[in-house]
Amino acid sequence: MIHNKTFNNVINTLKNIGDAHAQITTTSTGDIWQIDLSKNTLFPLMHINPVNVTAAHSQLNYTFQIFIVDLVSQDENWTQTNFQSAAFLNNEQEVLSATLQTSVDIVSIFRNSIQQSTFNVDDINHPVYFTGDGVTFDPFTERFDNLLTGWVFNLEVQVENTFQTCDIPLTEAAKGEGE
């Protein structure tokens, strides 16, 4: 039996992954302009931006733009414990490396979705959420009130959907008109 997953189910699953990941401190969702870039946000940050939902024959495909970002430490802020190298003016390369690995972790969870298993099927390893094959990670660095760098990628989350018409709350008028 298929248990149709809602938009809330998918968003909450993504939030739970962000909250449970040891390398992510803050998880947020909404339009890209809703990211709190003030110095009050605890980084690293995972931001989930819904892009669209497409309906296929027996599934819904949710596309999200996922941002994994962290603060870049400028050399004037370095101490002996976090000093990288005199050859670098900041630790941008290190931040890009760490946030890319976190991004790959998120894709891996959906590709190997044993953690997302359902309990109401015969096979405990039956995945509830799937993802498409190709994911492109794009690096970025932005200067706001602080210097942020990280990766953004589109994650397509595929869920089964039965598209049942029996349970749609319609009145008789919605049946259409005859001759």
N, C-alpha and C. Protein backbone atom coordinates (compact mmCIF):
# COMPACT_ATOMS: atom_id res chain seq x y z
N MET A 1 0.84 -1.17 0.00
CA MET A 1 0.00 0.00 0.00
C MET A 1 0.89 1.24 0.00
N ILE A 2 0.61 2.17 -0.87
CA ILE A 2 1.38 3.41 -0.96
C ILE A 2 0.77 4.43 -0.01
N HIS A 3 1.63 5.05 0.79
CA HIS A 3 1.21 6.14 1.65
C HIS A 3 1.73 7.41 1.00
N ASN A 4 0.84 8.16 0.36
CA ASN A 4 1.25 9.36 -0.36
C ASN A 4 1.94 10.33 0.59
N LYS A 5 3.07 10.86 0.14
CA LYS A 5 3.83 11.82 0.93
C LYS A 5 3.43 13.23 0.50
N THR A 6 3.27 14.10 1.48
CA THR A 6 2.87 15.47 1.21
C THR A 6 4.10 16.38 1.15
N PHE A 7 3.86 17.61 0.73
CA PHE A 7 4.92 18.62 0.73
C PHE A 7 5.51 18.76 2.12
N ASN A 8 4.64 18.78 3.15
CA ASN A 8 5.12 18.87 4.53
C ASN A 8 6.01 17.70 4.89
N ASN A 9 5.65 16.48 4.47
CA ASN A 9 6.48 15.31 4.75
C ASN A 9 7.88 15.47 4.18
N VAL A 10 7.95 15.93 2.93
CA VAL A 10 9.25 16.05 2.25
C VAL A 10 10.09 17.15 2.90
N ILE A 11 9.49 18.31 3.14
CA ILE A 11 10.21 19.42 3.78
C ILE A 11 10.70 19.00 5.17
N ASN A 12 9.83 18.38 5.94
CA ASN A 12 10.22 17.97 7.30
C ASN A 12 11.32 16.92 7.27
N THR A 13 11.31 16.03 6.27
CA THR A 13 12.39 15.05 6.14
C THR A 13 13.71 15.76 5.86
N LEU A 14 13.70 16.73 4.94
CA LEU A 14 14.92 17.49 4.65
C LEU A 14 15.39 18.25 5.89
N LYS A 15 14.46 18.87 6.62
CA LYS A 15 14.83 19.59 7.84
C LYS A 15 15.43 18.64 8.88
N ASN A 16 14.82 17.46 9.02
CA ASN A 16 15.34 16.49 9.98
C ASN A 16 16.75 16.05 9.62
N ILE A 17 17.01 15.87 8.34
CA ILE A 17 18.36 15.50 7.91
C ILE A 17 19.34 16.62 8.27
N GLY A 18 18.95 17.87 7.98
CA GLY A 18 19.82 18.99 8.34
C GLY A 18 20.05 19.09 9.83
N ASP A 19 18.99 18.92 10.61
CA ASP A 19 19.11 19.01 12.07
C ASP A 19 19.95 17.87 12.65
N ALA A 20 19.92 16.70 12.01
CA ALA A 20 20.64 15.54 12.54
C ALA A 20 22.10 15.49 12.06
N HIS A 21 22.44 16.23 11.03
CA HIS A 21 23.80 16.18 10.48
C HIS A 21 24.76 16.95 11.41
N ALA A 22 25.83 16.31 11.80
CA ALA A 22 26.76 16.90 12.76
C ALA A 22 27.49 18.13 12.21
N GLN A 23 27.54 18.30 10.90
CA GLN A 23 28.25 19.44 10.31
C GLN A 23 27.32 20.60 9.97
N ILE A 24 26.04 20.51 10.31
CA ILE A 24 25.08 21.57 10.05
C ILE A 24 24.57 22.08 11.39
N THR A 25 24.68 23.38 11.61
CA THR A 25 24.23 23.97 12.87
C THR A 25 22.81 24.52 12.77
N THR A 26 22.48 25.14 11.63
CA THR A 26 21.17 25.75 11.46
C THR A 26 20.55 25.24 10.17
N THR A 27 19.26 24.91 10.20
CA THR A 27 18.51 24.51 9.01
C THR A 27 17.34 25.46 8.87
N SER A 28 17.18 26.01 7.66
CA SER A 28 16.06 26.93 7.41
C SER A 28 15.42 26.57 6.08
N THR A 29 14.23 27.11 5.85
CA THR A 29 13.52 26.84 4.61
C THR A 29 12.79 28.09 4.16
N GLY A 30 12.52 28.15 2.87
CA GLY A 30 11.79 29.27 2.29
C GLY A 30 12.52 29.84 1.10
N ASP A 31 12.05 30.99 0.65
CA ASP A 31 12.68 31.66 -0.48
C ASP A 31 14.12 32.02 -0.14
N ILE A 32 14.94 32.09 -1.15
CA ILE A 32 16.36 32.39 -0.96
C ILE A 32 16.56 33.71 -0.22
N TRP A 33 15.67 34.65 -0.43
CA TRP A 33 15.81 35.96 0.21
C TRP A 33 15.44 35.91 1.69
N GLN A 34 14.93 34.75 2.15
CA GLN A 34 14.60 34.60 3.56
C GLN A 34 15.76 34.06 4.38
N ILE A 35 16.88 33.76 3.73
CA ILE A 35 18.04 33.30 4.49
C ILE A 35 18.48 34.43 5.40
N ASP A 36 18.63 34.14 6.67
CA ASP A 36 19.09 35.13 7.64
C ASP A 36 20.61 35.19 7.56
N LEU A 37 21.11 36.23 6.91
CA LEU A 37 22.54 36.36 6.71
C LEU A 37 23.21 37.23 7.77
N SER A 38 22.46 37.60 8.78
CA SER A 38 23.05 38.42 9.84
C SER A 38 24.06 37.59 10.62
N LYS A 39 24.83 38.28 11.39
CA LYS A 39 25.85 37.58 12.17
C LYS A 39 25.24 36.81 13.35
N ASN A 40 23.90 36.85 13.48
CA ASN A 40 23.24 36.10 14.55
C ASN A 40 23.00 34.65 14.18
N THR A 41 23.04 34.33 12.88
CA THR A 41 22.82 32.96 12.44
C THR A 41 24.02 32.11 12.81
N LEU A 42 23.74 30.91 13.29
CA LEU A 42 24.82 29.97 13.60
C LEU A 42 25.13 29.16 12.34
N PHE A 43 26.37 29.17 11.94
CA PHE A 43 26.82 28.46 10.74
C PHE A 43 27.61 27.23 11.14
N PRO A 44 27.68 26.25 10.27
CA PRO A 44 27.21 26.10 8.90
C PRO A 44 25.69 26.03 8.81
N LEU A 45 25.17 26.52 7.68
CA LEU A 45 23.75 26.65 7.45
C LEU A 45 23.33 25.78 6.27
N MET A 46 22.20 25.10 6.43
CA MET A 46 21.55 24.42 5.31
C MET A 46 20.24 25.15 5.08
N HIS A 47 20.06 25.67 3.86
CA HIS A 47 18.81 26.35 3.53
C HIS A 47 18.11 25.59 2.42
N ILE A 48 16.81 25.36 2.58
CA ILE A 48 15.99 24.59 1.65
C ILE A 48 15.05 25.55 0.94
N ASN A 49 15.20 25.70 -0.36
CA ASN A 49 14.37 26.59 -1.15
C ASN A 49 13.52 25.75 -2.11
N PRO A 50 12.20 25.65 -1.89
CA PRO A 50 11.36 24.90 -2.83
C PRO A 50 11.36 25.58 -4.20
N VAL A 51 11.53 24.77 -5.26
CA VAL A 51 11.59 25.31 -6.63
C VAL A 51 10.30 24.97 -7.38
N ASN A 52 9.96 23.67 -7.45
CA ASN A 52 8.73 23.28 -8.13
C ASN A 52 8.39 21.83 -7.79
N VAL A 53 7.19 21.43 -8.22
CA VAL A 53 6.74 20.04 -8.08
C VAL A 53 6.14 19.65 -9.42
N THR A 54 6.58 18.50 -9.95
CA THR A 54 5.99 18.00 -11.19
C THR A 54 5.32 16.66 -10.90
N ALA A 55 4.22 16.43 -11.60
CA ALA A 55 3.47 15.19 -11.43
C ALA A 55 3.79 14.27 -12.60
N ALA A 56 4.31 13.10 -12.30
CA ALA A 56 4.54 12.07 -13.31
C ALA A 56 3.38 11.07 -13.20
N HIS A 57 3.49 9.94 -13.90
CA HIS A 57 2.40 8.96 -13.93
C HIS A 57 2.03 8.46 -12.54
N SER A 58 3.01 8.05 -11.75
CA SER A 58 2.71 7.50 -10.43
C SER A 58 3.62 8.08 -9.35
N GLN A 59 4.07 9.31 -9.56
CA GLN A 59 4.93 9.92 -8.56
C GLN A 59 4.87 11.44 -8.66
N LEU A 60 5.28 12.08 -7.58
CA LEU A 60 5.49 13.52 -7.56
C LEU A 60 6.99 13.75 -7.45
N ASN A 61 7.50 14.72 -8.22
CA ASN A 61 8.91 15.07 -8.19
C ASN A 61 9.05 16.47 -7.62
N TYR A 62 9.57 16.55 -6.40
CA TYR A 62 9.78 17.82 -5.73
C TYR A 62 11.21 18.27 -6.03
N THR A 63 11.38 19.50 -6.49
CA THR A 63 12.72 20.02 -6.72
C THR A 63 12.99 21.12 -5.70
N PHE A 64 14.12 20.98 -5.01
CA PHE A 64 14.55 21.94 -4.01
C PHE A 64 15.94 22.44 -4.36
N GLN A 65 16.17 23.71 -4.12
CA GLN A 65 17.49 24.28 -4.23
C GLN A 65 18.05 24.25 -2.81
N ILE A 66 19.14 23.52 -2.63
CA ILE A 66 19.74 23.35 -1.31
C ILE A 66 21.03 24.16 -1.24
N PHE A 67 21.14 24.97 -0.20
CA PHE A 67 22.35 25.76 0.04
C PHE A 67 23.03 25.21 1.29
N ILE A 68 24.31 24.91 1.17
CA ILE A 68 25.13 24.55 2.32
C ILE A 68 26.23 25.61 2.39
N VAL A 69 26.19 26.46 3.41
CA VAL A 69 27.12 27.60 3.48
C VAL A 69 27.73 27.70 4.86
N ASP A 70 28.90 28.34 4.88
CA ASP A 70 29.59 28.59 6.14
C ASP A 70 30.34 29.91 6.03
N LEU A 71 30.74 30.44 7.16
CA LEU A 71 31.49 31.68 7.20
C LEU A 71 32.94 31.42 6.81
N VAL A 72 33.49 32.37 6.09
CA VAL A 72 34.92 32.35 5.78
C VAL A 72 35.61 33.20 6.82
N SER A 73 36.65 32.67 7.39
CA SER A 73 37.41 33.39 8.40
C SER A 73 38.51 34.19 7.70
N GLN A 74 38.52 35.49 7.95
CA GLN A 74 39.56 36.35 7.38
C GLN A 74 40.84 36.21 8.21
N ASP A 75 41.97 36.46 7.58
CA ASP A 75 43.24 36.25 8.26
C ASP A 75 43.41 37.10 9.52
N GLU A 76 42.77 38.26 9.59
CA GLU A 76 42.92 39.07 10.79
C GLU A 76 42.19 38.45 11.99
N ASN A 77 41.31 37.48 11.74
CA ASN A 77 40.59 36.81 12.82
C ASN A 77 41.26 35.51 13.27
N TRP A 78 42.32 35.12 12.59
CA TRP A 78 42.95 33.84 12.89
C TRP A 78 43.76 33.90 14.17
N THR A 79 43.74 32.80 14.87
CA THR A 79 44.61 32.62 16.03
C THR A 79 45.55 31.47 15.70
N GLN A 80 46.41 31.14 16.60
CA GLN A 80 47.33 30.02 16.36
C GLN A 80 46.56 28.72 16.14
N THR A 81 45.39 28.56 16.77
CA THR A 81 44.66 27.30 16.65
C THR A 81 43.94 27.16 15.32
N ASN A 82 43.59 28.28 14.65
CA ASN A 82 42.89 28.12 13.38
C ASN A 82 43.66 28.74 12.21
N PHE A 83 44.94 29.01 12.41
CA PHE A 83 45.76 29.58 11.34
C PHE A 83 45.94 28.53 10.25
N GLN A 84 45.64 28.90 9.02
CA GLN A 84 45.70 27.94 7.91
C GLN A 84 47.09 27.92 7.27
N SER A 85 47.47 29.03 6.68
CA SER A 85 48.75 29.11 6.00
C SER A 85 48.98 30.56 5.61
N ALA A 86 50.20 31.00 5.65
CA ALA A 86 50.52 32.37 5.25
C ALA A 86 50.24 32.58 3.77
N ALA A 87 50.15 31.51 2.98
CA ALA A 87 49.91 31.61 1.55
C ALA A 87 48.46 31.98 1.24
N PHE A 88 47.56 31.82 2.20
CA PHE A 88 46.14 32.10 1.99
C PHE A 88 45.72 33.31 2.80
N LEU A 89 44.82 34.12 2.26
CA LEU A 89 44.30 35.26 3.00
C LEU A 89 43.08 34.88 3.82
N ASN A 90 42.50 33.71 3.55
CA ASN A 90 41.35 33.24 4.32
C ASN A 90 41.27 31.72 4.17
N ASN A 91 40.28 31.13 4.81
CA ASN A 91 40.13 29.68 4.77
C ASN A 91 39.02 29.24 3.81
N GLU A 92 38.82 29.99 2.74
CA GLU A 92 37.75 29.71 1.79
C GLU A 92 37.85 28.30 1.21
N GLN A 93 39.04 27.86 0.86
CA GLN A 93 39.21 26.52 0.29
C GLN A 93 38.77 25.45 1.29
N GLU A 94 39.13 25.62 2.55
CA GLU A 94 38.74 24.66 3.58
C GLU A 94 37.22 24.62 3.75
N VAL A 95 36.60 25.81 3.74
CA VAL A 95 35.15 25.88 3.88
C VAL A 95 34.46 25.24 2.68
N LEU A 96 34.97 25.50 1.48
CA LEU A 96 34.40 24.87 0.28
C LEU A 96 34.51 23.35 0.35
N SER A 97 35.64 22.87 0.82
CA SER A 97 35.83 21.42 0.94
C SER A 97 34.84 20.81 1.93
N ALA A 98 34.70 21.43 3.10
CA ALA A 98 33.81 20.89 4.13
C ALA A 98 32.34 20.97 3.71
N THR A 99 31.93 22.08 3.10
CA THR A 99 30.53 22.21 2.72
C THR A 99 30.19 21.33 1.52
N LEU A 100 31.16 21.05 0.66
CA LEU A 100 30.91 20.11 -0.44
C LEU A 100 30.67 18.71 0.11
N GLN A 101 31.47 18.30 1.09
CA GLN A 101 31.27 16.97 1.67
C GLN A 101 29.90 16.86 2.33
N THR A 102 29.47 17.92 3.01
CA THR A 102 28.14 17.92 3.61
C THR A 102 27.06 17.82 2.54
N SER A 103 27.25 18.53 1.43
CA SER A 103 26.29 18.47 0.32
C SER A 103 26.20 17.06 -0.24
N VAL A 104 27.33 16.42 -0.41
CA VAL A 104 27.37 15.04 -0.92
C VAL A 104 26.68 14.10 0.08
N ASP A 105 26.86 14.33 1.36
CA ASP A 105 26.19 13.52 2.38
C ASP A 105 24.67 13.54 2.20
N ILE A 106 24.12 14.73 1.94
CA ILE A 106 22.67 14.87 1.81
C ILE A 106 22.17 14.10 0.60
N VAL A 107 22.87 14.20 -0.52
CA VAL A 107 22.49 13.44 -1.71
C VAL A 107 22.61 11.94 -1.43
N SER A 108 23.66 11.54 -0.72
CA SER A 108 23.88 10.12 -0.42
C SER A 108 22.74 9.54 0.41
N ILE A 109 22.21 10.32 1.32
CA ILE A 109 21.10 9.83 2.15
C ILE A 109 19.91 9.45 1.27
N PHE A 110 19.62 10.26 0.26
CA PHE A 110 18.49 9.96 -0.63
C PHE A 110 18.82 8.86 -1.61
N ARG A 111 20.06 8.77 -2.04
CA ARG A 111 20.45 7.68 -2.96
C ARG A 111 20.44 6.34 -2.25
N ASN A 112 20.82 6.32 -1.01
CA ASN A 112 20.87 5.10 -0.20
C ASN A 112 19.88 5.27 0.94
N SER A 113 18.61 5.29 0.59
CA SER A 113 17.60 5.79 1.51
C SER A 113 17.10 4.78 2.54
N ILE A 114 17.96 3.94 3.04
CA ILE A 114 17.56 3.03 4.11
C ILE A 114 17.08 3.82 5.32
N GLN A 115 17.73 4.99 5.57
CA GLN A 115 17.32 5.83 6.70
C GLN A 115 15.92 6.38 6.49
N GLN A 116 15.45 6.44 5.25
CA GLN A 116 14.13 6.99 4.95
C GLN A 116 13.10 5.88 4.75
N SER A 117 13.35 4.71 5.27
CA SER A 117 12.46 3.56 5.06
C SER A 117 11.10 3.75 5.71
N THR A 118 10.15 3.09 5.13
CA THR A 118 8.79 3.12 5.68
C THR A 118 8.58 1.87 6.52
N PHE A 119 7.63 1.93 7.40
CA PHE A 119 7.36 0.80 8.28
C PHE A 119 6.14 0.00 7.83
N ASN A 120 5.39 0.48 6.85
CA ASN A 120 4.15 -0.16 6.47
C ASN A 120 4.25 -0.93 5.16
N VAL A 121 5.40 -1.50 4.87
CA VAL A 121 5.57 -2.33 3.68
C VAL A 121 6.21 -3.64 4.11
N ASP A 122 6.18 -4.60 3.21
CA ASP A 122 6.74 -5.91 3.53
C ASP A 122 8.25 -5.85 3.74
N ASP A 123 8.94 -5.00 2.98
CA ASP A 123 10.40 -4.91 3.05
C ASP A 123 10.77 -3.66 3.84
N ILE A 124 11.44 -3.81 4.98
CA ILE A 124 11.80 -2.69 5.83
C ILE A 124 12.73 -1.71 5.10
N ASN A 125 13.45 -2.18 4.07
CA ASN A 125 14.37 -1.32 3.34
C ASN A 125 13.72 -0.64 2.14
N HIS A 126 12.42 -0.77 2.00
CA HIS A 126 11.72 -0.13 0.89
C HIS A 126 11.81 1.39 1.07
N PRO A 127 12.46 2.09 0.13
CA PRO A 127 12.62 3.53 0.32
C PRO A 127 11.33 4.31 0.07
N VAL A 128 11.13 5.32 0.88
CA VAL A 128 9.98 6.20 0.74
C VAL A 128 10.33 7.33 -0.21
N TYR A 129 11.56 7.82 -0.14
CA TYR A 129 12.01 8.94 -0.95
C TYR A 129 13.13 8.47 -1.87
N PHE A 130 13.09 8.96 -3.09
CA PHE A 130 14.12 8.64 -4.07
C PHE A 130 14.71 9.96 -4.58
N THR A 131 15.79 9.89 -5.34
CA THR A 131 16.32 11.07 -6.01
C THR A 131 16.79 10.69 -7.40
N GLY A 132 16.86 11.68 -8.26
CA GLY A 132 17.35 11.46 -9.62
C GLY A 132 18.85 11.18 -9.61
N ASP A 133 19.38 10.83 -10.77
CA ASP A 133 20.79 10.44 -10.86
C ASP A 133 21.76 11.61 -10.82
N GLY A 134 21.52 12.62 -11.62
CA GLY A 134 22.51 13.69 -11.76
C GLY A 134 22.27 14.85 -10.82
N VAL A 135 23.31 15.23 -10.08
CA VAL A 135 23.25 16.41 -9.22
C VAL A 135 24.51 17.22 -9.51
N THR A 136 24.33 18.50 -9.78
CA THR A 136 25.46 19.40 -10.01
C THR A 136 25.60 20.32 -8.82
N PHE A 137 26.79 20.38 -8.26
CA PHE A 137 27.08 21.25 -7.13
C PHE A 137 27.79 22.49 -7.66
N ASP A 138 27.23 23.67 -7.38
CA ASP A 138 27.82 24.93 -7.84
C ASP A 138 28.38 25.70 -6.65
N PRO A 139 29.68 26.05 -6.71
CA PRO A 139 30.27 26.81 -5.61
C PRO A 139 29.89 28.28 -5.71
N PHE A 140 29.86 28.95 -4.57
CA PHE A 140 29.65 30.39 -4.58
C PHE A 140 30.31 31.01 -3.35
N THR A 141 30.64 32.26 -3.48
CA THR A 141 31.14 33.07 -2.37
C THR A 141 30.45 34.41 -2.47
N GLU A 142 29.85 34.85 -1.38
CA GLU A 142 29.12 36.11 -1.36
C GLU A 142 29.55 36.95 -0.16
N ARG A 143 29.68 38.22 -0.38
CA ARG A 143 30.00 39.14 0.72
C ARG A 143 28.72 39.89 1.08
N PHE A 144 28.23 39.63 2.27
CA PHE A 144 27.08 40.34 2.82
C PHE A 144 27.62 41.11 4.02
N ASP A 145 26.96 41.00 5.17
CA ASP A 145 27.54 41.55 6.39
C ASP A 145 28.73 40.69 6.81
N ASN A 146 28.80 39.51 6.26
CA ASN A 146 29.88 38.57 6.53
C ASN A 146 30.25 37.91 5.21
N LEU A 147 31.34 37.19 5.17
CA LEU A 147 31.77 36.50 3.96
C LEU A 147 31.34 35.05 4.06
N LEU A 148 30.46 34.63 3.15
CA LEU A 148 29.95 33.26 3.13
C LEU A 148 30.43 32.56 1.88
N THR A 149 30.68 31.28 2.03
CA THR A 149 30.98 30.45 0.87
C THR A 149 30.35 29.09 1.08
N GLY A 150 30.16 28.38 0.00
CA GLY A 150 29.56 27.05 0.09
C GLY A 150 29.10 26.58 -1.27
N TRP A 151 28.11 25.73 -1.26
CA TRP A 151 27.62 25.08 -2.47
C TRP A 151 26.12 25.17 -2.54
N VAL A 152 25.60 25.24 -3.74
CA VAL A 152 24.16 25.19 -3.98
C VAL A 152 23.93 24.09 -5.01
N PHE A 153 22.87 23.33 -4.81
CA PHE A 153 22.54 22.27 -5.76
C PHE A 153 21.04 22.04 -5.76
N ASN A 154 20.54 21.56 -6.89
CA ASN A 154 19.14 21.19 -7.00
C ASN A 154 19.01 19.72 -6.64
N LEU A 155 18.11 19.45 -5.71
CA LEU A 155 17.85 18.08 -5.29
C LEU A 155 16.42 17.75 -5.68
N GLU A 156 16.27 16.75 -6.54
CA GLU A 156 14.94 16.28 -6.91
C GLU A 156 14.58 15.12 -6.00
N VAL A 157 13.52 15.30 -5.23
CA VAL A 157 13.04 14.24 -4.34
C VAL A 157 11.80 13.65 -4.97
N GLN A 158 11.86 12.35 -5.26
CA GLN A 158 10.77 11.66 -5.93
C GLN A 158 10.02 10.81 -4.90
N VAL A 159 8.70 10.96 -4.89
CA VAL A 159 7.87 10.15 -4.00
C VAL A 159 6.74 9.52 -4.80
N GLU A 160 6.38 8.32 -4.41
CA GLU A 160 5.27 7.65 -5.08
C GLU A 160 3.96 8.36 -4.74
N ASN A 161 3.03 8.35 -5.70
CA ASN A 161 1.72 8.93 -5.47
C ASN A 161 0.70 8.14 -6.29
N THR A 162 -0.40 7.77 -5.66
CA THR A 162 -1.40 6.94 -6.33
C THR A 162 -2.39 7.76 -7.15
N PHE A 163 -2.48 9.05 -6.92
CA PHE A 163 -3.42 9.92 -7.61
C PHE A 163 -4.85 9.35 -7.56
N GLN A 164 -5.24 8.89 -6.38
CA GLN A 164 -6.58 8.36 -6.19
C GLN A 164 -7.62 9.47 -6.30
N THR A 165 -8.72 9.17 -6.95
CA THR A 165 -9.80 10.14 -7.07
C THR A 165 -10.94 9.85 -6.10
N CYS A 166 -10.89 8.71 -5.44
CA CYS A 166 -11.99 8.32 -4.55
C CYS A 166 -12.10 9.22 -3.32
N ASP A 167 -11.00 9.75 -2.85
CA ASP A 167 -11.01 10.50 -1.60
C ASP A 167 -10.95 12.02 -1.80
N ILE A 168 -11.14 12.50 -3.00
CA ILE A 168 -11.11 13.94 -3.25
C ILE A 168 -12.41 14.55 -2.74
N PRO A 169 -12.33 15.57 -1.91
CA PRO A 169 -13.55 16.18 -1.35
C PRO A 169 -14.25 17.10 -2.37
N LEU A 170 -15.09 16.52 -3.22
CA LEU A 170 -15.80 17.26 -4.25
C LEU A 170 -17.31 17.17 -4.04
N THR A 171 -18.00 18.19 -4.48
CA THR A 171 -19.45 18.15 -4.48
C THR A 171 -19.91 17.53 -5.80
N GLU A 172 -21.17 17.25 -5.91
CA GLU A 172 -21.72 16.66 -7.14
C GLU A 172 -21.51 17.55 -8.35
N ALA A 173 -21.45 18.85 -8.16
CA ALA A 173 -21.28 19.79 -9.27
C ALA A 173 -19.97 19.60 -10.02
N ALA A 174 -18.98 19.01 -9.37
CA ALA A 174 -17.67 18.84 -9.99
C ALA A 174 -17.62 17.67 -10.97
N LYS A 175 -18.69 16.88 -11.02
CA LYS A 175 -18.70 15.71 -11.91
C LYS A 175 -18.76 16.10 -13.38
N GLY A 176 -19.15 17.30 -13.66
CA GLY A 176 -19.27 17.72 -15.05
C GLY A 176 -20.73 17.68 -15.48
N GLU A 177 -20.98 18.27 -16.59
CA GLU A 177 -22.36 18.37 -17.07
C GLU A 177 -22.58 17.41 -18.23
N GLY A 178 -23.76 16.89 -18.28
CA GLY A 178 -24.17 16.03 -19.39
C GLY A 178 -24.82 16.87 -20.49
N GLU A 179 -25.43 16.19 -21.40
CA GLU A 179 -26.09 16.89 -22.51
C GLU A 179 -27.36 17.56 -22.10
